[in-house]
Structures are given as C-alpha cells and as structure tokens.
Protein backbone atom coordinates (compact mmCIF):
# COMPACT_ATOMS: atom_id res chain seq x y z
CA MET A 1 3.86 -19.86 -11.29
CA GLY A 2 1.14 -22.53 -10.54
CA GLU A 3 -0.39 -24.77 -13.25
CA ASN A 4 -3.58 -26.42 -14.25
CA ILE A 5 -3.39 -30.09 -13.68
CA VAL A 6 -5.82 -32.63 -13.70
CA ASP A 7 -6.67 -34.66 -10.10
CA GLN A 8 -6.91 -38.34 -10.72
CA ASN A 9 -9.35 -38.76 -7.84
CA THR A 10 -12.02 -36.32 -8.78
CA ASN A 11 -11.19 -35.85 -12.51
CA ARG A 12 -11.26 -32.21 -12.04
CA THR A 13 -8.76 -29.31 -13.05
CA VAL A 14 -7.20 -27.27 -10.09
CA PHE A 15 -5.01 -24.49 -10.08
CA THR A 16 -1.91 -24.78 -7.87
CA PHE A 17 -1.19 -21.30 -7.11
CA LEU A 18 2.11 -20.97 -5.94
CA SER A 19 2.79 -24.57 -6.35
CA GLU A 20 4.03 -25.96 -9.96
CA PHE A 21 4.79 -29.70 -9.60
CA HIS A 22 5.61 -30.69 -12.97
CA SER A 23 8.69 -28.50 -13.58
CA THR A 24 12.20 -27.97 -12.42
CA TRP A 25 14.35 -25.05 -11.51
CA ASN A 26 15.12 -23.01 -14.61
CA GLY A 27 16.01 -19.58 -15.68
CA GLN A 28 12.59 -18.27 -14.75
CA THR A 29 12.32 -19.55 -11.46
CA VAL A 30 15.83 -17.69 -10.62
CA VAL A 31 14.59 -14.43 -11.81
CA GLU A 32 11.30 -14.87 -9.87
CA VAL A 33 13.15 -15.43 -6.85
CA CYS A 34 15.88 -12.68 -7.51
CA PHE A 35 12.70 -10.34 -8.10
CA LEU A 36 11.00 -11.79 -4.86
CA SER A 37 14.18 -11.01 -2.80
CA ALA A 38 14.63 -7.56 -4.04
CA ILE A 39 11.41 -6.46 -3.53
CA PHE A 40 11.67 -7.89 0.09
CA VAL A 41 14.68 -6.09 1.01
CA VAL A 42 13.66 -2.67 -0.76
CA GLY A 43 10.56 -3.21 0.31
CA MET A 44 11.35 -3.99 4.33
CA ILE A 45 14.49 -1.27 4.36
CA GLY A 46 12.58 1.85 2.89
CA ASN A 47 9.68 1.18 5.09
CA VAL A 48 11.17 0.38 8.40
CA MET A 49 13.27 3.71 7.52
CA ILE A 50 10.14 5.71 7.15
CA LEU A 51 8.59 4.53 10.27
CA VAL A 52 12.01 5.07 12.39
CA ALA A 53 12.47 8.66 10.65
CA ILE A 54 9.12 10.04 11.10
CA LEU A 55 8.83 8.76 14.78
CA ARG A 56 12.47 9.96 15.92
CA ASN A 57 11.90 13.42 14.67
CA THR A 58 8.84 15.02 16.61
CA LYS A 59 9.07 18.01 14.29
CA LEU A 60 7.95 14.93 11.49
CA ARG A 61 5.09 13.86 13.36
CA THR A 62 1.99 15.69 11.69
CA VAL A 63 -1.40 13.93 10.61
CA THR A 64 -0.24 13.35 7.22
CA ASN A 65 3.26 11.83 7.96
CA ILE A 66 1.27 9.65 10.89
CA LEU A 67 -0.85 8.32 8.29
CA VAL A 68 2.38 7.74 5.69
CA CYS A 69 3.72 5.66 8.56
CA ASN A 70 0.25 3.55 8.51
CA LEU A 71 0.69 3.15 4.81
CA SER A 72 4.45 1.77 5.70
CA MET A 73 3.31 -0.71 8.18
CA ALA A 74 0.53 -1.98 5.66
CA ASP A 75 3.60 -2.58 3.37
CA ILE A 76 5.69 -4.14 6.17
CA LEU A 77 2.88 -6.71 6.77
CA PHE A 78 2.44 -7.16 2.88
CA ALA A 79 6.26 -7.91 2.52
CA LEU A 80 6.27 -10.30 5.27
CA GLY A 81 4.57 -12.97 2.82
CA ILE A 82 7.34 -12.43 0.44
CA PRO A 83 9.91 -15.59 1.83
CA CYS A 84 6.89 -17.77 1.74
CA ILE A 85 6.38 -16.91 -1.67
CA ALA A 86 10.05 -17.65 -2.61
CA THR A 87 9.92 -20.62 -0.26
CA THR A 88 7.32 -22.53 -2.45
CA ARG A 89 8.63 -21.77 -5.69
CA ILE A 90 12.01 -23.26 -4.68
CA THR A 91 10.23 -26.18 -3.23
CA ARG A 92 7.65 -26.36 -5.86
CA HIS A 93 5.25 -27.44 -3.61
CA TRP A 94 3.74 -26.19 -0.44
CA VAL A 95 6.00 -27.13 2.78
CA LEU A 96 4.85 -24.52 5.23
CA GLY A 97 1.58 -25.95 6.96
CA GLU A 98 -1.84 -25.26 7.32
CA ILE A 99 -1.57 -21.99 9.50
CA VAL A 100 0.88 -20.36 7.34
CA CYS A 101 -1.40 -21.17 4.11
CA LYS A 102 -4.30 -19.49 5.74
CA LEU A 103 -2.24 -16.61 7.39
CA ILE A 104 -0.48 -15.55 3.91
CA THR A 105 -3.40 -14.68 1.79
CA TYR A 106 -5.31 -13.34 4.65
CA VAL A 107 -2.38 -10.84 5.49
CA GLN A 108 -1.93 -9.80 1.98
CA PHE A 109 -5.94 -9.09 1.90
CA VAL A 110 -5.46 -7.16 5.29
CA SER A 111 -2.39 -4.97 4.03
CA GLY A 112 -3.97 -4.24 0.76
CA ILE A 113 -7.50 -2.98 2.11
CA SER A 114 -5.45 -1.21 4.81
CA SER A 115 -3.19 0.75 2.25
CA ILE A 116 -6.21 1.81 0.12
CA LEU A 117 -7.92 3.30 3.08
CA THR A 118 -4.90 4.80 4.66
CA MET A 119 -4.74 6.73 1.06
CA VAL A 120 -8.36 7.53 1.52
CA MET A 121 -7.60 9.42 4.72
CA ILE A 122 -4.41 11.06 3.66
CA SER A 123 -6.90 12.55 0.71
CA VAL A 124 -9.41 13.39 3.01
CA ASP A 125 -6.57 15.14 5.36
CA ARG A 126 -5.46 17.00 2.25
CA PHE A 127 -8.49 18.23 1.35
CA ILE A 128 -9.81 19.37 4.71
CA SER A 129 -6.00 21.22 5.06
CA VAL A 130 -6.63 22.91 1.45
CA CYS A 131 -10.39 23.29 0.82
CA LEU A 132 -11.98 23.64 4.47
CA LEU A 133 -8.90 25.89 5.87
CA ASN A 134 -9.60 26.58 9.39
CA LYS A 135 -13.51 24.90 9.34
CA TYR A 136 -12.23 21.70 10.83
CA LYS A 137 -9.08 20.53 12.63
CA MET A 138 -8.19 16.89 12.80
CA THR A 139 -7.36 16.16 16.31
CA ARG A 140 -5.15 13.68 17.98
CA ARG A 141 -8.41 11.38 18.70
CA ASP A 142 -9.73 11.66 15.25
CA LEU A 143 -6.57 10.39 13.77
CA THR A 144 -6.54 7.53 16.46
CA LEU A 145 -10.28 6.63 15.58
CA SER A 146 -9.70 6.89 12.02
CA LEU A 147 -6.50 4.59 12.42
CA VAL A 148 -8.19 1.66 14.84
CA ALA A 149 -10.96 1.75 12.48
CA THR A 150 -9.04 1.44 9.31
CA TRP A 151 -7.57 -1.65 10.83
CA VAL A 152 -10.63 -3.33 12.09
CA ILE A 153 -12.27 -3.00 8.94
CA SER A 154 -9.05 -4.32 7.29
CA ALA A 155 -8.92 -7.34 9.50
CA ALA A 156 -12.74 -8.37 9.44
CA PHE A 157 -13.69 -8.34 5.69
CA PRO A 158 -11.03 -10.81 4.53
CA ILE A 159 -11.71 -13.68 7.61
CA PRO A 160 -13.71 -15.80 4.68
CA VAL A 161 -10.27 -15.76 2.89
CA ALA A 162 -8.49 -17.07 5.79
CA ILE A 163 -11.46 -19.51 6.49
CA SER A 164 -11.49 -20.90 2.83
CA GLN A 165 -7.47 -21.04 2.43
CA THR A 166 -6.58 -24.43 3.31
CA VAL A 167 -3.43 -27.25 2.33
CA LYS A 168 -5.00 -29.25 -0.56
CA THR A 169 -3.82 -32.47 -1.98
CA VAL A 170 -3.88 -33.37 -5.93
CA ASN A 171 -2.88 -36.66 -7.18
CA SER A 172 -1.23 -36.75 -10.35
CA ASP A 173 0.73 -39.08 -12.35
CA ASP A 174 0.07 -41.36 -9.45
CA GLN A 175 1.92 -39.22 -7.07
CA ALA A 176 0.09 -37.11 -4.42
CA TYR A 177 1.00 -33.42 -4.08
CA LYS A 178 0.30 -30.86 -1.69
CA TYR A 179 -0.39 -26.84 -2.33
CA CYS A 180 -2.22 -23.84 -0.78
CA GLY A 181 -5.22 -23.13 -2.33
CA VAL A 182 -8.70 -21.76 -1.73
CA GLU A 183 -11.69 -24.15 -1.17
CA TRP A 184 -14.77 -21.97 -0.71
CA SER A 185 -18.10 -23.65 1.32
CA ILE A 186 -20.73 -25.01 -1.02
CA ASN A 187 -23.28 -22.52 -0.11
CA PHE A 188 -20.73 -19.53 0.11
CA ARG A 189 -21.45 -17.09 -2.98
CA SER A 190 -17.62 -16.31 -3.65
CA ASP A 191 -18.35 -14.32 -6.56
CA ILE A 192 -20.37 -12.09 -4.89
CA TYR A 193 -18.05 -11.90 -1.92
CA LEU A 194 -15.22 -10.95 -4.26
CA THR A 195 -16.92 -8.50 -6.36
CA PHE A 196 -18.34 -6.70 -3.05
CA MET A 197 -14.79 -6.82 -1.70
CA VAL A 198 -13.39 -5.09 -4.99
CA THR A 199 -15.71 -2.79 -5.37
CA PHE A 200 -15.93 -1.49 -1.96
CA PHE A 201 -12.16 -1.54 -1.06
CA PHE A 202 -10.70 -0.94 -4.39
CA PHE A 203 -12.95 1.07 -6.94
CA ILE A 204 -14.98 3.17 -4.76
CA PRO A 205 -12.34 4.32 -2.46
CA LEU A 206 -9.97 5.22 -5.92
CA ILE A 207 -13.04 6.88 -7.40
CA VAL A 208 -13.19 9.26 -3.79
CA ILE A 209 -9.30 9.81 -3.71
CA ILE A 210 -9.45 11.05 -7.68
CA ILE A 211 -12.39 13.35 -6.65
CA LEU A 212 -10.52 14.87 -3.75
CA TYR A 213 -7.29 15.13 -5.38
CA SER A 214 -9.08 16.81 -8.23
CA ARG A 215 -10.57 19.41 -5.87
CA ILE A 216 -7.16 20.18 -4.31
CA TRP A 217 -5.66 20.77 -7.40
CA LEU A 218 -7.91 23.23 -8.68
CA ILE A 219 -7.82 25.00 -5.40
CA VAL A 220 -3.79 25.10 -5.31
CA LYS A 221 -3.79 26.22 -9.03
CA CYS A 222 -6.27 28.98 -8.83
CA SER A 223 -4.33 30.32 -5.22
CA ASN A 224 -1.15 29.86 -7.16
CA SER A 225 -2.55 32.06 -9.73
CA ARG A 226 -3.74 34.70 -7.24
CA ALA A 227 -0.19 34.62 -5.62
CA MET A 228 1.73 35.67 -8.88
CA HIS A 229 -0.19 39.18 -8.78
CA GLY A 230 0.37 39.37 -5.24
CA ASN A 231 2.81 37.89 -2.61
CA GLY A 232 5.83 36.34 -4.31
CA ARG A 233 6.33 33.99 -1.01
CA SER A 234 3.26 32.58 -1.50
CA GLU A 235 3.69 31.71 -5.07
CA GLN A 236 6.86 30.01 -3.88
CA ALA A 237 5.11 27.94 -1.29
CA ASN A 238 2.36 26.89 -3.51
CA LYS A 239 4.76 25.30 -5.85
CA LYS A 240 5.85 23.44 -3.06
CA GLN A 241 2.13 22.26 -2.51
CA ILE A 242 1.80 21.44 -5.88
CA ARG A 243 4.84 19.32 -5.37
CA LEU A 244 2.98 17.48 -2.23
CA VAL A 245 -0.04 16.62 -4.60
CA LYS A 246 1.91 15.46 -7.21
CA MET A 247 3.66 12.97 -4.83
CA PHE A 248 0.59 11.58 -3.06
CA ALA A 249 -0.87 11.03 -6.75
CA SER A 250 1.92 9.09 -7.83
CA ILE A 251 1.76 7.20 -4.88
CA VAL A 252 -2.14 6.21 -5.65
CA ALA A 253 -1.42 6.00 -9.45
CA LEU A 254 1.04 3.45 -8.88
CA PHE A 255 -1.01 1.42 -6.44
CA VAL A 256 -3.61 1.49 -9.00
CA VAL A 257 -0.90 -0.10 -11.70
CA MET A 258 0.36 -2.37 -9.62
CA TRP A 259 -2.78 -3.90 -7.93
CA LEU A 260 -5.22 -3.78 -10.85
CA PRO A 261 -3.91 -6.59 -13.03
CA PHE A 262 -4.05 -8.62 -9.61
CA PHE A 263 -7.44 -7.68 -9.13
CA ILE A 264 -8.56 -8.43 -12.99
CA LEU A 265 -7.07 -11.64 -12.64
CA SER A 266 -8.96 -12.51 -9.92
CA PHE A 267 -12.24 -11.75 -11.56
CA LEU A 268 -11.37 -13.97 -14.37
CA GLY A 269 -10.46 -16.59 -12.17
CA VAL A 270 -13.43 -16.68 -10.33
CA PHE A 271 -15.94 -16.27 -13.03
CA TYR A 272 -14.00 -17.95 -15.79
CA ASN A 273 -11.56 -20.60 -13.74
CA GLN A 274 -9.02 -19.79 -16.41
CA ILE A 275 -5.66 -18.37 -15.19
CA THR A 276 -2.60 -18.79 -16.95
CA SER A 277 0.59 -19.65 -15.15
CA THR A 278 2.46 -16.49 -16.67
CA HIS A 279 -0.06 -13.97 -15.94
CA PHE A 280 -0.49 -15.16 -12.33
CA THR A 281 3.23 -14.78 -11.65
CA VAL A 282 3.37 -11.44 -13.49
CA THR A 283 0.50 -9.72 -11.62
CA LEU A 284 1.59 -11.20 -8.16
CA ILE A 285 5.44 -9.83 -8.52
CA LEU A 286 3.72 -6.49 -9.53
CA ALA A 287 1.43 -6.32 -6.55
CA LEU A 288 4.14 -7.22 -4.14
CA ALA A 289 6.42 -4.38 -5.75
CA ASN A 290 4.06 -1.91 -4.71
CA THR A 291 5.87 -2.51 -1.11
CA CYS A 292 8.94 -0.35 -2.56
CA GLN A 293 7.06 2.29 -4.30
CA ASN A 294 6.10 4.41 -0.77
CA PRO A 295 9.39 4.93 0.19
CA LEU A 296 11.36 5.65 -2.96
CA ILE A 297 8.39 8.11 -3.64
CA TYR A 298 7.97 9.76 -0.47
CA GLY A 299 11.68 10.18 0.00
CA TYR A 300 12.11 11.33 -3.46
CA PHE A 301 9.34 14.26 -3.30
CA ASN A 302 10.01 15.15 0.29
CA ARG A 303 13.17 16.76 0.93
CA ARG A 304 12.74 16.74 4.80
CA LEU A 305 12.30 13.08 5.34
CA ARG A 306 15.47 12.71 2.63
CA SER A 307 17.51 14.80 4.86
CA GLU A 308 16.59 12.60 7.72
CA PHE A 309 17.35 9.70 5.93
CA LYS A 310 20.74 10.85 5.54
CA THR A 311 20.95 11.40 8.78
CA MET A 312 19.89 8.50 10.05
CA LEU A 313 22.64 6.60 7.38
CA CYS A 314 25.44 8.99 8.92
CA THR A 315 24.66 8.28 12.41
CA LYS A 316 25.70 5.00 13.89
CA LEU A 317 23.04 5.53 17.10
CA PHE A 318 19.48 7.33 17.13
CA GLY A 319 20.53 9.98 18.83
CA ARG A 320 19.90 13.65 18.31
CA SER A 321 21.32 15.52 15.04
CA GLN A 322 21.57 19.06 14.20
CA SER A 323 19.31 18.41 11.00
CA SER A 324 16.46 17.30 13.07
CA SER A 325 16.15 20.88 14.76
CA SER A 326 15.89 22.86 11.63
CA TYR A 327 12.86 20.98 10.59
CA ASN A 328 9.49 22.96 9.75
CA VAL A 329 6.35 20.93 10.41
CA GLN A 330 5.13 19.63 6.75
CA GLY A 331 1.83 18.27 7.91
CA THR A 332 -0.19 21.49 7.08
CA GLU A 333 2.01 23.20 4.43
CA LEU A 334 -0.47 22.57 2.00
CA GLY A 335 -3.23 24.49 3.94
CA SER A 336 -1.12 27.41 5.08
CA ALA A 337 0.29 28.09 1.50
CA VAL A 338 -3.49 28.31 0.54
CA ARG A 339 -3.96 30.60 3.55
CA ASN A 340 -1.16 32.76 2.97
CA SER A 341 -1.94 33.40 -0.69
CA SER A 342 -5.42 34.39 0.08
CA ASN A 343 -4.06 36.79 2.90
CA PRO A 344 -0.61 37.73 3.15
CA ASN A 345 -0.82 38.74 6.74
CA SER A 346 -1.97 35.08 7.71
CA SER A 347 0.68 33.23 10.41
CA GLY A 348 0.13 30.07 8.93
CA GLN A 349 -0.22 28.17 12.20
CA ASN A 350 -0.26 24.03 11.90
CA SER A 351 -3.68 22.73 12.00
CA SER A 352 -3.06 19.27 11.76
CA THR A 353 0.14 18.78 13.62
CA VAL A 354 0.21 15.46 16.20
CA ALA A 355 2.55 16.15 19.33
C-alpha cells in the first residue's frame, strides 16, 4: 500500500499513501481487501448493536454506558472510511475526488481523538464512583457538557489536516497519476503540530488513564480484602467490579497496541521521510481493526449487555422483552460494591444513572 516514486517534473521522491500505481492485483491486495471488508462489517454491526442495546433499554442508560455509546459512535465514524480505502486498493489510484480526500483523514483524526478522550472520561467516571464515593455525582448536565466538549475538541484540532489533504498528481514513466496525499503549507511547522497532537491526544491521556485505573484497582483490591473477613455478598460484588476494571483496562490496552505503531510510523514519516509500503499497510489495518474490539470486549465482559444482544437477535421487532425488565443498573456497581464492603448496611443507591 503506497510506494515511493520519483516525480519526473520535480525530481522529488513522494509517498503515495493509499495508491500504488506500478503494481497490479496480487495475493497481498486480496488479503488486504478481505481484512478491510471483515473489519468494516464486524465494526459497524458490533458498534451499532451496542448503541441499539443501550438506547433501547432504559435500565442500561448509565453514565458509563452512555460513554461507551460515545466510544461506539467514534468507532462507527472511523469505520466509514474503510470502503474508501478498499476502493483505492482496488483501483490503485485515487478516484474519489478532492472532498473525500480531505474528509477521510480528517474524520480518522476526529474519531481517534474522540475515542481517547472518551476513554479518559470513562476512567474519570469510574474513579469518581470508586474513590470519591458520595462526594461527587456526575449529573446529566455534566455528562452532556463533557460529551459536547469532547466532540468540539476532536473536530477543532485536526482542521489543519483537512486543509493540507489534497489530491496530488505525480508524473512517472511519462504518465500522470493521482493520489490523496498531504501538502503542508511552507510556513506551517508540521513537525511541531504532529508532535503536539500525539503528545496531548495520546501519551498524556494514556498516562492519566493508567494512573486512574491503577488507583481504582488498589481501592477495589483493598476493599475485597476487607470483605473476605466480613460480608460475603460484598466479596462477591467486588469480584464483579474487578471484572469491570479488567474490561475497561483491556479496551485501553488494545487501543494502545493498535494505534501506537501508526503514531510511530507517522513520526518516522515526518522526521525521516522514510515509510515502506509493508509497514504502512500493517499499521493502518491494525488501527482500523480497533473499531472491532470495543463491542467484542464489552459484549464478552458485560453479561447484561450480552443478554441484551441475545434478546435483540431473537426479536424481530425492537419491542419490550422480558429480559429487559430484569436488569439492574450497572453504571455504579463499581462504586456501590466498595461502599457495601465498607458499610454492609449501605443501600448502594445508584449515583451515576442517567434517566
């Protein structure tokens, strides 16, 4: 995917990103398109199912689950660009026009930033529920403002990317080829901009998430240790909360594993201008595969949501099901379990439910 070729007009070597002019369909291309198709289908279906499952069941509309919905929307947005990538791999050059060229990379940046910021919000929500107990409760207004701020920030900072993306023409072997590439303005410091983006929208949020989940893990483990000498129900509840922490930690860990190679490659491209076709292919597909992991992991760890998935698949129309009325609100299980272990007489009322 992509190749380094010399433009005969400027005598400069350029990287063609998604386009690859001097090659034809081969086994690698077939594998790429198959992977892209599978990622698109699984990512779209899985994330849409999460949205429908949570929004159709009022008992599942907790703060945490609404944030998970936001994460799914970001994944859906990211997955929408996959058909464009697959099309370019088939045609071998850019045929989708200037507007799509500008939108595809911009939308990918917006989706990535929104995802990492939403993960920070989820970790903050879990930290409030577990560590601050009843000192603070996230209200509907707080949640709405946080979500709006997330999307405004996500949409604003990648604007230079949309401006710089353009359909470029390169002349090679006496033929003109078109590809969708980046053309920074002469006075724009792309190295500083990309360093800022990766630092503030990847590494710093990642550090915050690690610190918060580490604190949550210690609190839950200590609470579980106390529960072993007291209320058996609290001990069992804490085991469920440990499972929740593992679930969100797994989502963050896979996000890092799938996105970090892409960021590293971006740095290499900016500072060393050396990107190989194979490396670009692997890192891009790996980043795209991140759209599938959220519904798979969340569906695996969350038994209530998994049960809702089964109900949806068995119900032709989105009507009320018997299983829906039996759910308990999950959004504050993590906090209520800790409160119960500290005070067996606590009622464990939900502190983060969004009606």
